[in-house]
Amino acid sequence: MSIRPIRLFGDPVLRTPAEPVTSFDAELRKLVKDLTDTMMDAPGVGLAAPQIGVGLRVFTYHVDEVVGHLINPTLELSAEIEVDDEGCLSFPGLSYPTARSLHTVAKGFTVHGEPVTLAGTSQLARCIQHETDHLDGVLFIDRLDPAQRKLAMKEIRASEWWGEPAPVVRVSPHPTQGKAF
């Protein structure tokens, strides 16, 4: 198991758009394993690479007993909207009603570079959208209405984790082309 520290709100990596994956190699397979191990340990229903400090377009998910990953996702969203409570591992203890498309079709790649399509409704659709937002530097609190966002920010500032220093990250001995932070 390789569990990595999860970056918390305030860490600049969470606001930085991730770069597309171009090499489907052993380093990518290790990243997906680390993401999966970290997500399962948290526990969470999804985890994006920027949340562990890696600026690549990769996320893992664990919804309805299915564990998987998606690389370089593109989304097709339904017009039908669902509002439900949503939280995030980068915001420990916070949960707010967040509007998301009810149905989502995501296209991307497996860890081996094979094309894959992931269709989801309700919780899986929400997870896919939430994690893809992370890859774009967008956080779930950005999707809250102004009153809810103000409440969330107040709760964040009052939390015991707010203002914690970013974890110390070891520098990879492998070439990362500037994509790992």
N, C-alpha and C. Protein backbone atom coordinates (compact mmCIF):
# COMPACT_ATOMS: atom_id res chain seq x y z
N MET A 1 0.83 -1.19 0.00
CA MET A 1 0.00 0.00 0.00
C MET A 1 0.87 1.24 0.00
N SER A 2 0.48 2.20 -0.80
CA SER A 2 1.20 3.46 -0.83
C SER A 2 0.20 4.59 -0.67
N ILE A 3 0.00 4.98 0.58
CA ILE A 3 -0.97 6.03 0.89
C ILE A 3 -0.23 7.36 0.93
N ARG A 4 -0.75 8.32 0.19
CA ARG A 4 -0.11 9.63 0.10
C ARG A 4 -0.94 10.67 0.84
N PRO A 5 -0.31 11.75 1.30
CA PRO A 5 -1.06 12.82 1.98
C PRO A 5 -2.02 13.49 1.00
N ILE A 6 -3.23 13.78 1.48
CA ILE A 6 -4.22 14.47 0.66
C ILE A 6 -4.08 15.96 0.90
N ARG A 7 -3.96 16.70 -0.19
CA ARG A 7 -3.82 18.15 -0.11
C ARG A 7 -5.15 18.78 0.30
N LEU A 8 -5.07 19.78 1.17
CA LEU A 8 -6.25 20.45 1.69
C LEU A 8 -6.47 21.79 1.00
N PHE A 9 -7.72 22.25 1.07
CA PHE A 9 -8.08 23.55 0.50
C PHE A 9 -7.07 24.60 0.95
N GLY A 10 -6.62 25.40 0.02
CA GLY A 10 -5.60 26.40 0.29
C GLY A 10 -4.29 26.04 -0.40
N ASP A 11 -4.08 24.77 -0.69
CA ASP A 11 -2.89 24.33 -1.41
C ASP A 11 -3.06 24.73 -2.88
N PRO A 12 -2.10 25.46 -3.45
CA PRO A 12 -2.23 25.94 -4.83
C PRO A 12 -2.41 24.85 -5.88
N VAL A 13 -1.94 23.63 -5.62
CA VAL A 13 -2.07 22.56 -6.61
C VAL A 13 -3.55 22.27 -6.90
N LEU A 14 -4.43 22.53 -5.94
CA LEU A 14 -5.86 22.27 -6.13
C LEU A 14 -6.51 23.27 -7.07
N ARG A 15 -5.86 24.39 -7.30
CA ARG A 15 -6.39 25.43 -8.20
C ARG A 15 -5.68 25.47 -9.54
N THR A 16 -4.73 24.56 -9.74
CA THR A 16 -3.94 24.53 -10.96
C THR A 16 -4.49 23.48 -11.92
N PRO A 17 -4.89 23.86 -13.13
CA PRO A 17 -5.37 22.85 -14.09
C PRO A 17 -4.28 21.80 -14.36
N ALA A 18 -4.70 20.55 -14.37
CA ALA A 18 -3.77 19.44 -14.58
C ALA A 18 -3.46 19.26 -16.06
N GLU A 19 -2.29 18.70 -16.33
CA GLU A 19 -1.83 18.45 -17.70
C GLU A 19 -2.31 17.08 -18.18
N PRO A 20 -2.57 16.94 -19.47
CA PRO A 20 -2.95 15.62 -20.00
C PRO A 20 -1.81 14.60 -19.84
N VAL A 21 -2.20 13.37 -19.61
CA VAL A 21 -1.24 12.27 -19.55
C VAL A 21 -0.79 11.96 -20.98
N THR A 22 0.51 11.86 -21.17
CA THR A 22 1.04 11.53 -22.49
C THR A 22 1.81 10.22 -22.50
N SER A 23 2.23 9.74 -21.31
CA SER A 23 2.99 8.48 -21.22
C SER A 23 2.23 7.49 -20.36
N PHE A 24 1.84 6.40 -20.95
CA PHE A 24 1.14 5.34 -20.23
C PHE A 24 2.17 4.29 -19.84
N ASP A 25 2.88 4.60 -18.76
CA ASP A 25 4.04 3.80 -18.38
C ASP A 25 3.93 3.32 -16.93
N ALA A 26 5.00 2.76 -16.42
CA ALA A 26 5.02 2.23 -15.06
C ALA A 26 4.78 3.33 -14.03
N GLU A 27 5.28 4.52 -14.30
CA GLU A 27 5.08 5.63 -13.37
C GLU A 27 3.59 5.97 -13.27
N LEU A 28 2.88 5.92 -14.37
CA LEU A 28 1.43 6.17 -14.36
C LEU A 28 0.71 5.06 -13.61
N ARG A 29 1.09 3.82 -13.81
CA ARG A 29 0.46 2.71 -13.09
C ARG A 29 0.67 2.85 -11.59
N LYS A 30 1.85 3.30 -11.19
CA LYS A 30 2.13 3.54 -9.76
C LYS A 30 1.26 4.67 -9.24
N LEU A 31 1.09 5.73 -10.03
CA LEU A 31 0.23 6.84 -9.61
C LEU A 31 -1.21 6.37 -9.40
N VAL A 32 -1.74 5.58 -10.33
CA VAL A 32 -3.12 5.08 -10.20
C VAL A 32 -3.24 4.18 -8.97
N LYS A 33 -2.24 3.36 -8.71
CA LYS A 33 -2.27 2.51 -7.51
C LYS A 33 -2.24 3.37 -6.25
N ASP A 34 -1.36 4.38 -6.22
CA ASP A 34 -1.29 5.28 -5.06
C ASP A 34 -2.62 6.01 -4.85
N LEU A 35 -3.22 6.49 -5.95
CA LEU A 35 -4.52 7.18 -5.85
C LEU A 35 -5.58 6.23 -5.28
N THR A 36 -5.61 5.01 -5.79
CA THR A 36 -6.60 4.04 -5.33
C THR A 36 -6.39 3.70 -3.86
N ASP A 37 -5.16 3.42 -3.47
CA ASP A 37 -4.86 3.09 -2.07
C ASP A 37 -5.23 4.26 -1.15
N THR A 38 -4.89 5.47 -1.55
CA THR A 38 -5.18 6.65 -0.73
C THR A 38 -6.68 6.88 -0.63
N MET A 39 -7.40 6.74 -1.75
CA MET A 39 -8.85 6.92 -1.76
C MET A 39 -9.52 5.90 -0.84
N MET A 40 -9.12 4.63 -0.94
CA MET A 40 -9.74 3.59 -0.14
C MET A 40 -9.43 3.77 1.35
N ASP A 41 -8.25 4.26 1.67
CA ASP A 41 -7.86 4.47 3.06
C ASP A 41 -8.59 5.66 3.67
N ALA A 42 -8.96 6.65 2.87
CA ALA A 42 -9.50 7.91 3.39
C ALA A 42 -10.77 7.75 4.24
N PRO A 43 -11.79 7.04 3.97
CA PRO A 43 -12.20 6.49 2.69
C PRO A 43 -12.96 7.54 1.89
N GLY A 44 -12.92 7.40 0.58
CA GLY A 44 -13.62 8.33 -0.29
C GLY A 44 -14.23 7.61 -1.46
N VAL A 45 -15.07 8.33 -2.21
CA VAL A 45 -15.67 7.75 -3.42
C VAL A 45 -14.92 8.19 -4.67
N GLY A 46 -13.98 9.09 -4.52
CA GLY A 46 -13.18 9.53 -5.66
C GLY A 46 -11.97 10.30 -5.18
N LEU A 47 -10.94 10.33 -6.01
CA LEU A 47 -9.73 11.08 -5.70
C LEU A 47 -9.02 11.42 -7.00
N ALA A 48 -8.70 12.70 -7.17
CA ALA A 48 -8.00 13.17 -8.36
C ALA A 48 -6.52 13.37 -8.06
N ALA A 49 -5.69 13.18 -9.07
CA ALA A 49 -4.24 13.29 -8.89
C ALA A 49 -3.81 14.61 -8.24
N PRO A 50 -4.40 15.79 -8.59
CA PRO A 50 -3.97 17.00 -7.91
C PRO A 50 -4.17 16.96 -6.39
N GLN A 51 -5.11 16.14 -5.93
CA GLN A 51 -5.35 16.05 -4.49
C GLN A 51 -4.20 15.37 -3.75
N ILE A 52 -3.34 14.68 -4.48
CA ILE A 52 -2.12 14.15 -3.85
C ILE A 52 -0.88 14.86 -4.39
N GLY A 53 -1.12 16.01 -5.02
CA GLY A 53 -0.01 16.86 -5.45
C GLY A 53 0.56 16.56 -6.82
N VAL A 54 -0.16 15.80 -7.65
CA VAL A 54 0.33 15.45 -8.98
C VAL A 54 -0.56 16.12 -10.02
N GLY A 55 0.03 16.97 -10.83
CA GLY A 55 -0.73 17.75 -11.81
C GLY A 55 -0.99 17.04 -13.12
N LEU A 56 -1.56 15.84 -13.05
CA LEU A 56 -1.92 15.08 -14.24
C LEU A 56 -3.41 14.77 -14.24
N ARG A 57 -3.99 14.62 -15.43
CA ARG A 57 -5.44 14.39 -15.59
C ARG A 57 -5.79 12.92 -15.36
N VAL A 58 -5.81 12.55 -14.08
CA VAL A 58 -6.09 11.18 -13.65
C VAL A 58 -6.97 11.24 -12.41
N PHE A 59 -8.00 10.37 -12.36
CA PHE A 59 -8.73 10.22 -11.11
C PHE A 59 -9.15 8.77 -10.93
N THR A 60 -9.42 8.43 -9.67
CA THR A 60 -9.94 7.11 -9.32
C THR A 60 -11.31 7.29 -8.70
N TYR A 61 -12.09 6.21 -8.70
CA TYR A 61 -13.43 6.27 -8.10
C TYR A 61 -13.75 4.93 -7.44
N HIS A 62 -14.68 4.99 -6.47
CA HIS A 62 -15.19 3.81 -5.78
C HIS A 62 -16.66 4.06 -5.48
N VAL A 63 -17.51 3.65 -6.41
CA VAL A 63 -18.95 3.89 -6.31
C VAL A 63 -19.68 2.58 -6.56
N ASP A 64 -20.66 2.28 -5.72
CA ASP A 64 -21.45 1.05 -5.87
C ASP A 64 -20.57 -0.19 -5.97
N GLU A 65 -19.56 -0.25 -5.09
CA GLU A 65 -18.65 -1.40 -5.01
C GLU A 65 -17.76 -1.57 -6.25
N VAL A 66 -17.75 -0.59 -7.14
CA VAL A 66 -16.89 -0.64 -8.32
C VAL A 66 -15.73 0.34 -8.12
N VAL A 67 -14.51 -0.17 -8.24
CA VAL A 67 -13.31 0.65 -8.13
C VAL A 67 -12.72 0.78 -9.53
N GLY A 68 -12.42 2.01 -9.92
CA GLY A 68 -11.85 2.21 -11.24
C GLY A 68 -11.08 3.51 -11.33
N HIS A 69 -10.65 3.82 -12.54
CA HIS A 69 -9.89 5.05 -12.78
C HIS A 69 -10.22 5.54 -14.19
N LEU A 70 -9.90 6.80 -14.42
CA LEU A 70 -10.07 7.39 -15.74
C LEU A 70 -8.95 8.39 -15.97
N ILE A 71 -8.41 8.34 -17.17
CA ILE A 71 -7.28 9.21 -17.53
C ILE A 71 -7.70 10.08 -18.70
N ASN A 72 -7.36 11.37 -18.62
CA ASN A 72 -7.68 12.36 -19.65
C ASN A 72 -9.18 12.38 -19.98
N PRO A 73 -10.05 12.53 -18.96
CA PRO A 73 -11.48 12.46 -19.22
C PRO A 73 -12.03 13.67 -19.98
N THR A 74 -13.03 13.39 -20.81
CA THR A 74 -13.88 14.43 -21.40
C THR A 74 -15.30 14.05 -21.04
N LEU A 75 -16.15 15.04 -20.80
CA LEU A 75 -17.49 14.77 -20.30
C LEU A 75 -18.59 15.24 -21.23
N GLU A 76 -19.68 14.48 -21.24
CA GLU A 76 -20.95 14.89 -21.84
C GLU A 76 -21.94 14.88 -20.69
N LEU A 77 -22.59 16.03 -20.44
CA LEU A 77 -23.47 16.17 -19.29
C LEU A 77 -24.92 16.31 -19.74
N SER A 78 -25.82 15.70 -18.97
CA SER A 78 -27.24 15.84 -19.25
C SER A 78 -27.72 17.22 -18.78
N ALA A 79 -28.82 17.66 -19.35
CA ALA A 79 -29.40 18.93 -18.94
C ALA A 79 -30.14 18.79 -17.61
N GLU A 80 -30.53 17.57 -17.28
CA GLU A 80 -31.26 17.32 -16.03
C GLU A 80 -30.30 17.47 -14.85
N ILE A 81 -30.71 18.27 -13.87
CA ILE A 81 -29.86 18.60 -12.72
C ILE A 81 -30.39 17.93 -11.46
N GLU A 82 -29.45 17.52 -10.61
CA GLU A 82 -29.79 16.97 -9.30
C GLU A 82 -28.99 17.74 -8.26
N VAL A 83 -29.65 18.11 -7.17
CA VAL A 83 -28.96 18.76 -6.06
C VAL A 83 -28.89 17.76 -4.92
N ASP A 84 -27.68 17.52 -4.43
CA ASP A 84 -27.49 16.58 -3.34
C ASP A 84 -26.27 17.04 -2.54
N ASP A 85 -26.16 16.54 -1.31
CA ASP A 85 -25.01 16.89 -0.50
C ASP A 85 -23.74 16.34 -1.15
N GLU A 86 -22.71 17.16 -1.10
CA GLU A 86 -21.42 16.78 -1.68
C GLU A 86 -20.33 17.24 -0.74
N GLY A 87 -19.34 16.39 -0.58
CA GLY A 87 -18.18 16.71 0.23
C GLY A 87 -16.92 16.46 -0.59
N CYS A 88 -15.77 16.58 0.05
CA CYS A 88 -14.51 16.43 -0.65
C CYS A 88 -13.42 16.09 0.37
N LEU A 89 -12.54 15.18 -0.01
CA LEU A 89 -11.44 14.81 0.89
C LEU A 89 -10.50 15.97 1.15
N SER A 90 -10.50 16.97 0.28
CA SER A 90 -9.65 18.16 0.48
C SER A 90 -10.33 19.20 1.37
N PHE A 91 -11.56 18.90 1.82
CA PHE A 91 -12.33 19.74 2.74
C PHE A 91 -12.88 18.84 3.85
N PRO A 92 -12.04 18.31 4.72
CA PRO A 92 -12.50 17.34 5.72
C PRO A 92 -13.68 17.85 6.53
N GLY A 93 -14.73 17.01 6.59
CA GLY A 93 -15.89 17.32 7.42
C GLY A 93 -16.92 18.24 6.80
N LEU A 94 -16.67 18.80 5.64
CA LEU A 94 -17.63 19.71 5.02
C LEU A 94 -18.50 18.98 4.01
N SER A 95 -19.76 19.36 3.97
CA SER A 95 -20.70 18.82 3.00
C SER A 95 -21.77 19.86 2.76
N TYR A 96 -22.05 20.14 1.47
CA TYR A 96 -23.05 21.14 1.11
C TYR A 96 -23.85 20.69 -0.09
N PRO A 97 -25.13 21.11 -0.16
CA PRO A 97 -25.93 20.79 -1.35
C PRO A 97 -25.30 21.43 -2.59
N THR A 98 -25.04 20.59 -3.59
CA THR A 98 -24.35 21.03 -4.80
C THR A 98 -25.10 20.51 -6.02
N ALA A 99 -25.34 21.39 -6.98
CA ALA A 99 -26.04 21.01 -8.20
C ALA A 99 -25.07 20.37 -9.18
N ARG A 100 -25.48 19.24 -9.74
CA ARG A 100 -24.69 18.53 -10.75
C ARG A 100 -25.65 17.94 -11.78
N SER A 101 -25.14 17.66 -12.96
CA SER A 101 -25.94 16.95 -13.96
C SER A 101 -26.25 15.55 -13.43
N LEU A 102 -27.48 15.10 -13.68
CA LEU A 102 -27.92 13.80 -13.18
C LEU A 102 -27.23 12.65 -13.91
N HIS A 103 -26.99 12.83 -15.21
CA HIS A 103 -26.36 11.79 -16.03
C HIS A 103 -25.07 12.34 -16.65
N THR A 104 -24.07 11.49 -16.71
CA THR A 104 -22.78 11.88 -17.28
C THR A 104 -22.21 10.72 -18.10
N VAL A 105 -21.63 11.07 -19.24
CA VAL A 105 -20.85 10.10 -20.00
C VAL A 105 -19.44 10.67 -20.09
N ALA A 106 -18.49 9.90 -19.58
CA ALA A 106 -17.09 10.32 -19.60
C ALA A 106 -16.31 9.40 -20.52
N LYS A 107 -15.49 10.00 -21.36
CA LYS A 107 -14.61 9.23 -22.23
C LYS A 107 -13.18 9.55 -21.85
N GLY A 108 -12.35 8.53 -21.86
CA GLY A 108 -10.95 8.71 -21.51
C GLY A 108 -10.20 7.44 -21.80
N PHE A 109 -9.21 7.17 -20.96
CA PHE A 109 -8.33 6.03 -21.19
C PHE A 109 -8.07 5.27 -19.90
N THR A 110 -7.72 3.98 -20.06
CA THR A 110 -7.28 3.18 -18.93
C THR A 110 -5.80 3.46 -18.69
N VAL A 111 -5.27 2.86 -17.66
CA VAL A 111 -3.86 3.02 -17.33
C VAL A 111 -2.95 2.45 -18.42
N HIS A 112 -3.52 1.60 -19.29
CA HIS A 112 -2.75 1.01 -20.37
C HIS A 112 -2.94 1.75 -21.70
N GLY A 113 -3.65 2.89 -21.65
CA GLY A 113 -3.86 3.69 -22.86
C GLY A 113 -5.00 3.22 -23.73
N GLU A 114 -5.82 2.32 -23.22
CA GLU A 114 -6.97 1.83 -23.99
C GLU A 114 -8.16 2.77 -23.80
N PRO A 115 -8.88 3.11 -24.87
CA PRO A 115 -10.04 3.99 -24.75
C PRO A 115 -11.13 3.33 -23.91
N VAL A 116 -11.82 4.13 -23.12
CA VAL A 116 -12.89 3.63 -22.26
C VAL A 116 -13.98 4.69 -22.14
N THR A 117 -15.23 4.23 -22.02
CA THR A 117 -16.36 5.12 -21.78
C THR A 117 -16.99 4.72 -20.46
N LEU A 118 -17.25 5.71 -19.62
CA LEU A 118 -17.83 5.49 -18.30
C LEU A 118 -19.11 6.31 -18.23
N ALA A 119 -20.26 5.63 -18.15
CA ALA A 119 -21.55 6.31 -18.06
C ALA A 119 -22.05 6.18 -16.63
N GLY A 120 -22.57 7.28 -16.09
CA GLY A 120 -23.04 7.22 -14.72
C GLY A 120 -24.25 8.09 -14.48
N THR A 121 -25.01 7.69 -13.47
CA THR A 121 -26.18 8.43 -13.01
C THR A 121 -26.02 8.66 -11.52
N SER A 122 -26.60 9.73 -11.04
CA SER A 122 -26.66 10.04 -9.61
C SER A 122 -25.26 10.08 -8.99
N GLN A 123 -24.93 9.16 -8.05
CA GLN A 123 -23.66 9.26 -7.34
C GLN A 123 -22.45 9.10 -8.25
N LEU A 124 -22.49 8.17 -9.20
CA LEU A 124 -21.35 8.01 -10.10
C LEU A 124 -21.20 9.24 -10.99
N ALA A 125 -22.31 9.77 -11.49
CA ALA A 125 -22.25 10.99 -12.31
C ALA A 125 -21.67 12.15 -11.50
N ARG A 126 -22.11 12.28 -10.25
CA ARG A 126 -21.60 13.34 -9.36
C ARG A 126 -20.11 13.17 -9.14
N CYS A 127 -19.68 11.94 -8.88
CA CYS A 127 -18.26 11.66 -8.65
C CYS A 127 -17.42 12.01 -9.87
N ILE A 128 -17.86 11.58 -11.05
CA ILE A 128 -17.13 11.86 -12.28
C ILE A 128 -16.97 13.37 -12.48
N GLN A 129 -18.06 14.11 -12.27
CA GLN A 129 -18.01 15.56 -12.46
C GLN A 129 -17.11 16.22 -11.41
N HIS A 130 -17.23 15.78 -10.16
CA HIS A 130 -16.43 16.34 -9.07
C HIS A 130 -14.94 16.13 -9.33
N GLU A 131 -14.57 14.90 -9.69
CA GLU A 131 -13.15 14.61 -9.90
C GLU A 131 -12.62 15.29 -11.16
N THR A 132 -13.42 15.38 -12.21
CA THR A 132 -12.99 16.10 -13.42
C THR A 132 -12.83 17.58 -13.12
N ASP A 133 -13.70 18.14 -12.27
CA ASP A 133 -13.51 19.52 -11.83
C ASP A 133 -12.14 19.71 -11.20
N HIS A 134 -11.74 18.76 -10.33
CA HIS A 134 -10.41 18.85 -9.71
C HIS A 134 -9.32 18.95 -10.77
N LEU A 135 -9.48 18.21 -11.86
CA LEU A 135 -8.46 18.23 -12.92
C LEU A 135 -8.41 19.57 -13.64
N ASP A 136 -9.51 20.33 -13.54
CA ASP A 136 -9.58 21.66 -14.15
C ASP A 136 -9.28 22.79 -13.15
N GLY A 137 -8.93 22.43 -11.92
CA GLY A 137 -8.65 23.43 -10.89
C GLY A 137 -9.91 24.03 -10.29
N VAL A 138 -11.04 23.35 -10.44
CA VAL A 138 -12.33 23.81 -9.91
C VAL A 138 -12.68 22.96 -8.69
N LEU A 139 -13.15 23.61 -7.63
CA LEU A 139 -13.51 22.91 -6.40
C LEU A 139 -15.02 22.96 -6.20
N PHE A 140 -15.55 22.00 -5.45
CA PHE A 140 -17.00 21.93 -5.31
C PHE A 140 -17.59 23.19 -4.69
N ILE A 141 -16.84 23.88 -3.84
CA ILE A 141 -17.37 25.11 -3.25
C ILE A 141 -17.56 26.21 -4.30
N ASP A 142 -16.86 26.09 -5.43
CA ASP A 142 -17.05 27.05 -6.53
C ASP A 142 -18.44 26.91 -7.15
N ARG A 143 -19.06 25.76 -6.97
CA ARG A 143 -20.37 25.48 -7.57
C ARG A 143 -21.53 25.80 -6.62
N LEU A 144 -21.23 26.24 -5.40
CA LEU A 144 -22.27 26.58 -4.45
C LEU A 144 -22.87 27.95 -4.77
N ASP A 145 -24.12 28.14 -4.37
CA ASP A 145 -24.69 29.48 -4.53
C ASP A 145 -23.98 30.41 -3.56
N PRO A 146 -24.04 31.73 -3.79
CA PRO A 146 -23.25 32.66 -2.97
C PRO A 146 -23.48 32.54 -1.46
N ALA A 147 -24.70 32.33 -1.03
CA ALA A 147 -24.98 32.22 0.40
C ALA A 147 -24.35 30.96 0.99
N GLN A 148 -24.47 29.83 0.27
CA GLN A 148 -23.88 28.58 0.74
C GLN A 148 -22.35 28.66 0.73
N ARG A 149 -21.80 29.32 -0.29
CA ARG A 149 -20.34 29.46 -0.36
C ARG A 149 -19.82 30.28 0.82
N LYS A 150 -20.55 31.32 1.18
CA LYS A 150 -20.16 32.15 2.32
C LYS A 150 -20.17 31.32 3.61
N LEU A 151 -21.19 30.49 3.78
CA LEU A 151 -21.26 29.61 4.94
C LEU A 151 -20.10 28.61 4.93
N ALA A 152 -19.82 28.06 3.77
CA ALA A 152 -18.72 27.09 3.65
C ALA A 152 -17.38 27.74 4.02
N MET A 153 -17.15 28.94 3.51
CA MET A 153 -15.88 29.62 3.82
C MET A 153 -15.76 29.91 5.32
N LYS A 154 -16.88 30.26 5.94
CA LYS A 154 -16.87 30.50 7.38
C LYS A 154 -16.53 29.20 8.12
N GLU A 155 -17.13 28.10 7.69
CA GLU A 155 -16.86 26.81 8.31
C GLU A 155 -15.41 26.38 8.08
N ILE A 156 -14.88 26.64 6.89
CA ILE A 156 -13.48 26.31 6.58
C ILE A 156 -12.54 27.07 7.51
N ARG A 157 -12.76 28.37 7.64
CA ARG A 157 -11.88 29.18 8.50
C ARG A 157 -11.94 28.76 9.96
N ALA A 158 -13.08 28.19 10.40
CA ALA A 158 -13.23 27.75 11.79
C ALA A 158 -12.73 26.32 12.01
N SER A 159 -12.42 25.60 10.93
CA SER A 159 -12.02 24.20 11.06
C SER A 159 -10.62 24.08 11.65
N GLU A 160 -10.39 22.93 12.28
CA GLU A 160 -9.08 22.71 12.89
C GLU A 160 -7.98 22.47 11.86
N TRP A 161 -8.32 22.07 10.66
CA TRP A 161 -7.32 21.80 9.63
C TRP A 161 -6.93 23.05 8.84
N TRP A 162 -7.72 24.13 8.92
CA TRP A 162 -7.43 25.33 8.14
C TRP A 162 -6.09 25.93 8.57
N GLY A 163 -5.27 26.26 7.60
CA GLY A 163 -3.98 26.88 7.87
C GLY A 163 -2.87 25.90 8.15
N GLU A 164 -3.17 24.60 8.08
CA GLU A 164 -2.13 23.59 8.26
C GLU A 164 -1.12 23.72 7.13
N PRO A 165 0.15 23.54 7.42
CA PRO A 165 1.15 23.61 6.35
C PRO A 165 0.96 22.47 5.35
N ALA A 166 1.31 22.74 4.11
CA ALA A 166 1.24 21.70 3.07
C ALA A 166 2.22 20.60 3.44
N PRO A 167 1.89 19.34 3.12
CA PRO A 167 2.80 18.25 3.46
C PRO A 167 4.11 18.36 2.69
N VAL A 168 5.16 17.86 3.29
CA VAL A 168 6.46 17.81 2.63
C VAL A 168 6.39 16.69 1.60
N VAL A 169 6.76 17.00 0.39
CA VAL A 169 6.68 16.02 -0.69
C VAL A 169 8.08 15.69 -1.17
N ARG A 170 8.34 14.39 -1.25
CA ARG A 170 9.64 13.96 -1.77
C ARG A 170 9.67 14.18 -3.28
N VAL A 171 10.82 14.52 -3.80
CA VAL A 171 10.99 14.70 -5.23
C VAL A 171 11.21 13.34 -5.86
N SER A 172 10.47 13.07 -6.92
CA SER A 172 10.57 11.79 -7.61
C SER A 172 11.92 11.68 -8.31
N PRO A 173 12.55 10.50 -8.23
CA PRO A 173 13.79 10.30 -8.97
C PRO A 173 13.52 10.05 -10.46
N HIS A 174 12.23 9.91 -10.81
CA HIS A 174 11.85 9.64 -12.20
C HIS A 174 11.49 10.93 -12.91
N PRO A 175 11.70 11.00 -14.21
CA PRO A 175 11.34 12.22 -14.93
C PRO A 175 9.83 12.44 -14.88
N THR A 176 9.42 13.64 -14.47
CA THR A 176 7.99 13.94 -14.38
C THR A 176 7.58 15.06 -15.32
N GLN A 177 8.49 15.53 -16.11
CA GLN A 177 8.22 16.59 -17.06
C GLN A 177 7.50 17.78 -16.40
N GLY A 178 7.82 18.05 -15.15
CA GLY A 178 7.24 19.19 -14.43
C GLY A 178 5.79 18.99 -14.03
N LYS A 179 5.29 17.76 -14.07
CA LYS A 179 3.88 17.52 -13.80
C LYS A 179 3.61 17.05 -12.37
N ALA A 180 4.62 16.78 -11.60
CA ALA A 180 4.42 16.38 -10.21
C ALA A 180 4.90 17.52 -9.32
N PHE A 181 4.13 17.82 -8.33
CA PHE A 181 4.46 18.93 -7.44
C PHE A 181 4.97 18.41 -6.12
